[in-house]
Amino acid sequence: MGTRDDISGFVERFAGTLTDSGFPRLAARVFATLLVSESGRMTAAELADALKASTGGVSGAVRYLVQVRLIRTEREPGSRRHAYVVDSSWYESTVSANPFLDRGEADLREGIAILGDSPAADRLTETLELIHFLREETREMMRRWHDRKAASKTRRTANPA
């Protein structure tokens, strides 16, 4: 395992990549920190300390990450505090439960009905067909990912490093 400085450098580089892709900066740093933490679970105070950030800033960052389903909130056992958790299912909820696709589909149907037989309705119809295609492909892609992940786990178990 790398040094604390190596890990911190990785967190900042990966967070930079996420930020360049549209993530809010602190949310990207929180997500990267949770990914590299031993347990994948940290409190807001632990995150603020690790990132040298304010607890208020961390609060906004975790709220964003929960909203986009990259992390989840759990209550600390025997405490009123919350912990923020990232596990291997973060990508599944992100890929398969996309609120834009859900709401977008309903909105597009409404727009198609309003616009009737027109080039604009044709564009909306094509967009709706794309959403259906993405849903189908995503389901198939996740099935293949589960198969691949299971095979990889079997290989790692059979051939430990």
C-alpha atoms as a PDB file:
ATOM      1  CA  MET A   1       0.000   0.000   0.000  1.00  0.00           C
ATOM      2  CA  GLY A   2       1.242   3.472  -0.847  1.00  0.00           C
ATOM      3  CA  THR A   3       2.196   6.158   1.614  1.00  0.00           C
ATOM      4  CA  ARG A   4      -0.301   8.644   2.977  1.00  0.00           C
ATOM      5  CA  ASP A   5       1.129  11.245   0.559  1.00  0.00           C
ATOM      6  CA  ASP A   6       0.758   8.829  -2.382  1.00  0.00           C
ATOM      7  CA  ILE A   7      -2.868   8.177  -1.465  1.00  0.00           C
ATOM      8  CA  SER A   8      -3.587  11.877  -0.947  1.00  0.00           C
ATOM      9  CA  GLY A   9      -2.039  12.657  -4.324  1.00  0.00           C
ATOM     10  CA  PHE A  10      -4.177   9.998  -5.976  1.00  0.00           C
ATOM     11  CA  VAL A  11      -7.324  11.394  -4.328  1.00  0.00           C
ATOM     12  CA  GLU A  12      -6.564  14.879  -5.640  1.00  0.00           C
ATOM     13  CA  ARG A  13      -5.738  13.645  -9.168  1.00  0.00           C
ATOM     14  CA  PHE A  14      -8.841  11.452  -9.382  1.00  0.00           C
ATOM     15  CA  ALA A  15     -10.983  14.247  -7.930  1.00  0.00           C
ATOM     16  CA  GLY A  16      -9.539  16.544 -10.603  1.00  0.00           C
ATOM     17  CA  THR A  17     -10.608  14.090 -13.290  1.00  0.00           C
ATOM     18  CA  LEU A  18     -14.118  13.970 -11.816  1.00  0.00           C
ATOM     19  CA  THR A  19     -14.215  17.769 -11.565  1.00  0.00           C
ATOM     20  CA  ASP A  20     -13.168  18.068 -15.201  1.00  0.00           C
ATOM     21  CA  SER A  21     -16.122  15.775 -15.984  1.00  0.00           C
ATOM     22  CA  GLY A  22     -18.597  18.095 -14.255  1.00  0.00           C
ATOM     23  CA  PHE A  23     -18.513  17.086 -10.582  1.00  0.00           C
ATOM     24  CA  PRO A  24     -18.458  19.798  -7.937  1.00  0.00           C
ATOM     25  CA  ARG A  25     -14.860  19.938  -6.621  1.00  0.00           C
ATOM     26  CA  LEU A  26     -15.481  19.015  -2.983  1.00  0.00           C
ATOM     27  CA  ALA A  27     -17.981  16.292  -3.916  1.00  0.00           C
ATOM     28  CA  ALA A  28     -15.308  14.780  -6.168  1.00  0.00           C
ATOM     29  CA  ARG A  29     -12.765  14.877  -3.337  1.00  0.00           C
ATOM     30  CA  VAL A  30     -15.250  13.302  -0.883  1.00  0.00           C
ATOM     31  CA  PHE A  31     -16.115  10.526  -3.343  1.00  0.00           C
ATOM     32  CA  ALA A  32     -12.458   9.778  -4.069  1.00  0.00           C
ATOM     33  CA  THR A  33     -11.660   9.777  -0.336  1.00  0.00           C
ATOM     34  CA  LEU A  34     -14.456   7.307   0.394  1.00  0.00           C
ATOM     35  CA  LEU A  35     -13.308   5.072  -2.462  1.00  0.00           C
ATOM     36  CA  VAL A  36      -9.785   4.784  -1.058  1.00  0.00           C
ATOM     37  CA  SER A  37     -10.757   4.520   2.608  1.00  0.00           C
ATOM     38  CA  GLU A  38     -10.242   1.083   4.134  1.00  0.00           C
ATOM     39  CA  SER A  39     -13.910   0.568   5.046  1.00  0.00           C
ATOM     40  CA  GLY A  40     -15.576   2.770   2.421  1.00  0.00           C
ATOM     41  CA  ARG A  41     -17.375   4.424   5.324  1.00  0.00           C
ATOM     42  CA  MET A  42     -16.648   7.769   6.999  1.00  0.00           C
ATOM     43  CA  THR A  43     -18.480  10.387   9.044  1.00  0.00           C
ATOM     44  CA  ALA A  44     -18.712  14.015   7.970  1.00  0.00           C
ATOM     45  CA  ALA A  45     -16.181  14.946  10.658  1.00  0.00           C
ATOM     46  CA  GLU A  46     -13.743  12.290   9.408  1.00  0.00           C
ATOM     47  CA  LEU A  47     -14.153  13.489   5.828  1.00  0.00           C
ATOM     48  CA  ALA A  48     -13.682  17.130   6.839  1.00  0.00           C
ATOM     49  CA  ASP A  49     -10.527  16.205   8.754  1.00  0.00           C
ATOM     50  CA  ALA A  50      -9.120  14.056   5.942  1.00  0.00           C
ATOM     51  CA  LEU A  51      -9.776  16.730   3.329  1.00  0.00           C
ATOM     52  CA  LYS A  52      -8.975  19.764   5.491  1.00  0.00           C
ATOM     53  CA  ALA A  53     -12.424  21.080   4.570  1.00  0.00           C
ATOM     54  CA  SER A  54     -15.273  22.610   6.548  1.00  0.00           C
ATOM     55  CA  THR A  55     -18.019  20.336   7.845  1.00  0.00           C
ATOM     56  CA  GLY A  56     -20.530  22.617   6.106  1.00  0.00           C
ATOM     57  CA  GLY A  57     -18.774  22.111   2.790  1.00  0.00           C
ATOM     58  CA  VAL A  58     -18.631  18.360   3.361  1.00  0.00           C
ATOM     59  CA  SER A  59     -22.342  18.395   4.219  1.00  0.00           C
ATOM     60  CA  GLY A  60     -23.178  19.947   0.847  1.00  0.00           C
ATOM     61  CA  ALA A  61     -20.840  17.554  -0.952  1.00  0.00           C
ATOM     62  CA  VAL A  62     -22.352  14.432   0.610  1.00  0.00           C
ATOM     63  CA  ARG A  63     -25.862  15.747  -0.035  1.00  0.00           C
ATOM     64  CA  TYR A  64     -24.950  15.981  -3.728  1.00  0.00           C
ATOM     65  CA  LEU A  65     -23.357  12.505  -3.760  1.00  0.00           C
ATOM     66  CA  VAL A  66     -26.404  10.966  -2.046  1.00  0.00           C
ATOM     67  CA  GLN A  67     -28.716  12.702  -4.520  1.00  0.00           C
ATOM     68  CA  VAL A  68     -26.828  11.306  -7.515  1.00  0.00           C
ATOM     69  CA  ARG A  69     -26.704   7.897  -5.796  1.00  0.00           C
ATOM     70  CA  LEU A  70     -22.934   7.543  -5.586  1.00  0.00           C
ATOM     71  CA  ILE A  71     -22.998   7.117  -1.814  1.00  0.00           C
ATOM     72  CA  ARG A  72     -25.580   6.306   0.807  1.00  0.00           C
ATOM     73  CA  THR A  73     -26.160   7.495   4.351  1.00  0.00           C
ATOM     74  CA  GLU A  74     -26.240   5.137   7.328  1.00  0.00           C
ATOM     75  CA  ARG A  75     -26.729   5.897  10.981  1.00  0.00           C
ATOM     76  CA  GLU A  76     -23.724   5.101  13.148  1.00  0.00           C
ATOM     77  CA  PRO A  77     -24.685   2.238  15.500  1.00  0.00           C
ATOM     78  CA  GLY A  78     -25.581   3.594  18.943  1.00  0.00           C
ATOM     79  CA  SER A  79     -25.185   7.195  17.803  1.00  0.00           C
ATOM     80  CA  ARG A  80     -27.107  10.056  16.267  1.00  0.00           C
ATOM     81  CA  ARG A  81     -24.295  10.631  13.773  1.00  0.00           C
ATOM     82  CA  HIS A  82     -24.420   9.541  10.174  1.00  0.00           C
ATOM     83  CA  ALA A  83     -21.773   7.778   8.173  1.00  0.00           C
ATOM     84  CA  TYR A  84     -21.420   8.072   4.435  1.00  0.00           C
ATOM     85  CA  VAL A  85     -20.806   4.834   2.598  1.00  0.00           C
ATOM     86  CA  VAL A  86     -19.558   3.892  -0.839  1.00  0.00           C
ATOM     87  CA  ASP A  87     -19.493   0.254  -1.864  1.00  0.00           C
ATOM     88  CA  SER A  88     -19.271  -1.722  -5.054  1.00  0.00           C
ATOM     89  CA  SER A  89     -22.929  -1.117  -5.825  1.00  0.00           C
ATOM     90  CA  TRP A  90     -22.484   2.651  -6.341  1.00  0.00           C
ATOM     91  CA  TYR A  91     -22.108   2.224 -10.090  1.00  0.00           C
ATOM     92  CA  GLU A  92     -25.181   0.006 -10.360  1.00  0.00           C
ATOM     93  CA  SER A  93     -27.495   2.530  -8.775  1.00  0.00           C
ATOM     94  CA  THR A  94     -25.924   5.280 -10.859  1.00  0.00           C
ATOM     95  CA  VAL A  95     -26.341   3.386 -14.109  1.00  0.00           C
ATOM     96  CA  SER A  96     -29.693   1.710 -13.557  1.00  0.00           C
ATOM     97  CA  ALA A  97     -31.621   4.297 -11.554  1.00  0.00           C
ATOM     98  CA  ASN A  98     -31.298   7.455 -13.581  1.00  0.00           C
ATOM     99  CA  PRO A  99     -33.914  10.066 -12.646  1.00  0.00           C
ATOM    100  CA  PHE A 100     -33.296  11.937 -15.901  1.00  0.00           C
ATOM    101  CA  LEU A 101     -34.292   8.887 -17.897  1.00  0.00           C
ATOM    102  CA  ASP A 102     -37.410   8.362 -15.777  1.00  0.00           C
ATOM    103  CA  ARG A 103     -38.595  11.973 -15.844  1.00  0.00           C
ATOM    104  CA  GLY A 104     -37.250  12.612 -19.314  1.00  0.00           C
ATOM    105  CA  GLU A 105     -39.283   9.767 -20.754  1.00  0.00           C
ATOM    106  CA  ALA A 106     -42.548  11.150 -19.358  1.00  0.00           C
ATOM    107  CA  ASP A 107     -41.687  14.683 -20.477  1.00  0.00           C
ATOM    108  CA  LEU A 108     -40.797  13.506 -23.973  1.00  0.00           C
ATOM    109  CA  ARG A 109     -44.088  11.629 -24.341  1.00  0.00           C
ATOM    110  CA  GLU A 110     -45.943  14.787 -23.355  1.00  0.00           C
ATOM    111  CA  GLY A 111     -43.926  16.876 -25.810  1.00  0.00           C
ATOM    112  CA  ILE A 112     -44.564  14.412 -28.636  1.00  0.00           C
ATOM    113  CA  ALA A 113     -48.311  14.589 -27.985  1.00  0.00           C
ATOM    114  CA  ILE A 114     -48.261  18.390 -27.893  1.00  0.00           C
ATOM    115  CA  LEU A 115     -46.168  18.790 -31.054  1.00  0.00           C
ATOM    116  CA  GLY A 116     -48.147  16.312 -33.148  1.00  0.00           C
ATOM    117  CA  ASP A 117     -46.874  15.531 -36.633  1.00  0.00           C
ATOM    118  CA  SER A 118     -43.868  17.836 -36.881  1.00  0.00           C
ATOM    119  CA  PRO A 119     -40.086  17.762 -37.233  1.00  0.00           C
ATOM    120  CA  ALA A 120     -39.815  18.769 -33.565  1.00  0.00           C
ATOM    121  CA  ALA A 121     -41.955  15.787 -32.525  1.00  0.00           C
ATOM    122  CA  ASP A 122     -39.745  13.572 -34.693  1.00  0.00           C
ATOM    123  CA  ARG A 123     -36.677  14.798 -32.774  1.00  0.00           C
ATOM    124  CA  LEU A 124     -38.409  14.107 -29.462  1.00  0.00           C
ATOM    125  CA  THR A 125     -39.433  10.651 -30.687  1.00  0.00           C
ATOM    126  CA  GLU A 126     -35.847   9.885 -31.641  1.00  0.00           C
ATOM    127  CA  THR A 127     -34.692  11.036 -28.208  1.00  0.00           C
ATOM    128  CA  LEU A 128     -37.300   8.791 -26.565  1.00  0.00           C
ATOM    129  CA  GLU A 129     -36.097   5.858 -28.674  1.00  0.00           C
ATOM    130  CA  LEU A 130     -32.538   6.605 -27.534  1.00  0.00           C
ATOM    131  CA  ILE A 131     -33.662   6.462 -23.895  1.00  0.00           C
ATOM    132  CA  HIS A 132     -35.294   3.066 -24.498  1.00  0.00           C
ATOM    133  CA  PHE A 133     -32.123   1.856 -26.228  1.00  0.00           C
ATOM    134  CA  LEU A 134     -29.943   3.078 -23.341  1.00  0.00           C
ATOM    135  CA  ARG A 135     -32.140   1.297 -20.798  1.00  0.00           C
ATOM    136  CA  GLU A 136     -31.970  -2.004 -22.722  1.00  0.00           C
ATOM    137  CA  GLU A 137     -28.228  -1.748 -23.284  1.00  0.00           C
ATOM    138  CA  THR A 138     -27.614  -0.807 -19.660  1.00  0.00           C
ATOM    139  CA  ARG A 139     -29.494  -3.867 -18.389  1.00  0.00           C
ATOM    140  CA  GLU A 140     -27.479  -6.126 -20.695  1.00  0.00           C
ATOM    141  CA  MET A 141     -24.227  -4.387 -19.842  1.00  0.00           C
ATOM    142  CA  MET A 142     -24.845  -4.808 -16.097  1.00  0.00           C
ATOM    143  CA  ARG A 143     -25.637  -8.507 -16.607  1.00  0.00           C
ATOM    144  CA  ARG A 144     -22.309  -8.943 -18.410  1.00  0.00           C
ATOM    145  CA  TRP A 145     -20.543  -6.953 -15.696  1.00  0.00           C
ATOM    146  CA  HIS A 146     -21.944  -9.270 -12.977  1.00  0.00           C
ATOM    147  CA  ASP A 147     -20.727 -12.297 -14.926  1.00  0.00           C
ATOM    148  CA  ARG A 148     -17.291 -10.753 -15.385  1.00  0.00           C
ATOM    149  CA  LYS A 149     -17.053  -9.663 -11.741  1.00  0.00           C
ATOM    150  CA  ALA A 150     -17.972 -13.163 -10.548  1.00  0.00           C
ATOM    151  CA  ALA A 151     -15.369 -14.735 -12.843  1.00  0.00           C
ATOM    152  CA  SER A 152     -12.725 -12.281 -11.651  1.00  0.00           C
ATOM    153  CA  LYS A 153     -13.546 -12.995  -8.012  1.00  0.00           C
ATOM    154  CA  THR A 154     -13.277 -16.727  -8.693  1.00  0.00           C
ATOM    155  CA  ARG A 155      -9.854 -16.208 -10.311  1.00  0.00           C
ATOM    156  CA  ARG A 156      -8.632 -14.060  -7.405  1.00  0.00           C
ATOM    157  CA  THR A 157      -9.820 -16.652  -4.893  1.00  0.00           C
ATOM    158  CA  ALA A 158      -8.165 -19.495  -6.808  1.00  0.00           C
ATOM    159  CA  ASN A 159      -4.909 -17.569  -7.364  1.00  0.00           C
ATOM    160  CA  PRO A 160      -4.303 -15.226  -4.422  1.00  0.00           C
ATOM    161  CA  ALA A 161      -1.415 -12.832  -5.002  1.00  0.00           C
END
